[in-house]
């Protein structure tokens, strides 16, 4: 237990174990660190882990082993309730921000309401629309979260926890639970308008004013001369991210099959399967502060962001802009919205492999247009962590007062 040492408010961030959400939480915490102390409650199937943030590092405080492992159809649990209540009381939490409820029960909002602790829900993906949060059907096609009445085994697209076989029937129950859950939060926030509109589409009971948009901000050093001018006979594309089906791994394989003249030089930065390593150069996984080193080494003409589901923000797009490399990306979600808004690259259709291949060669052949996009990128202003922090401070202040 940690006792209050000053007048700072105590904020508890709730999320699942691993993934990009933790980076986002640290960024938010750092942006408001002058006014608050922070705790992170992470979960996996077997335990809950409580940490505090000091100098952007996590310091472990407690672990809570679960007698019954989490499963995808867990809604309420006396064991989770007891742990949540203990943490809120022992650490004198003033405000809760739920960044993800995967591997959690749905009890925390009830306990927060009972104890008059303000609670925020942050929408980082589409988990609350469908437990198959990648929104791909059983054939790896983007479905937008819309189902017919036939039984579908879409849950096979998520391999790190087990979902019911009849996902359509379970999704109906799930969305009914979510309608009730949303009412228990004092605020719902999300980083981009597209994500907000997705939730408004699936939950007509939500009003436009129920979801607030706070875009991410990051402090990234800008670079301007690390790209190489494209050669249409050897198009150097650096593809970023975790290469899973929803991130475009199947599309990338088909794209390279269309490249019978071997004009695409593909580089992968992030987790890549052995199959992808056979069609390009894998540089492995990387930490945030290592990104620039790979850009300097590879000097790509383009970064490729080929997700076949709608990204809710895309930090990799932000990183691409920061190093001055034009982007070729799928025309879905926040990738589409941000690229159309900033003119930092070109959009392609991931359902049309041959058309995309020809389009890439056209883009690489138009030096004038490439230079125009490059100049535009170099003028773009990225939102800073201080700007993001100001919005969060205002939100927290309203709720805490």
Foldseek 3Di string as FASTA:
>chain_A
DDDDPDDAAEEEEEEEPDDPLLVLVLLLCVLQVVRHWYKYWYADFFKIWIFTADPSDTDTDDIGGDPGGDAPPAADDPSLVVVLLCCCVVVVHQEYEYAYQVRHHLCNLVSCVVVVRAYEYEDQFQCLLFVLRLCAFQVLARNLSDDDPDFTQRQVLDDPHGDDRRRVVVSVVSNVSSVVSLVSHPAYEYADVLVVVSVCVRDVVDDSVRYYHQHDAADFAAAAPLADQFDLQAAEEEEEDAQGSQQCVVLVLVLLVLPPSNSYAYEYEEHDDPSVVVSHPYPYYDDPVCVVVVSNVRRHQEYEREGSGARRADVVVVVCLRHLHAYEYACHHNVVVVCVVQVLYYHDHSVDSNVVSVVVSVVSVPSVSSVVNSVSSVPDDTHHSNNSNVVVVVVVVVSSD
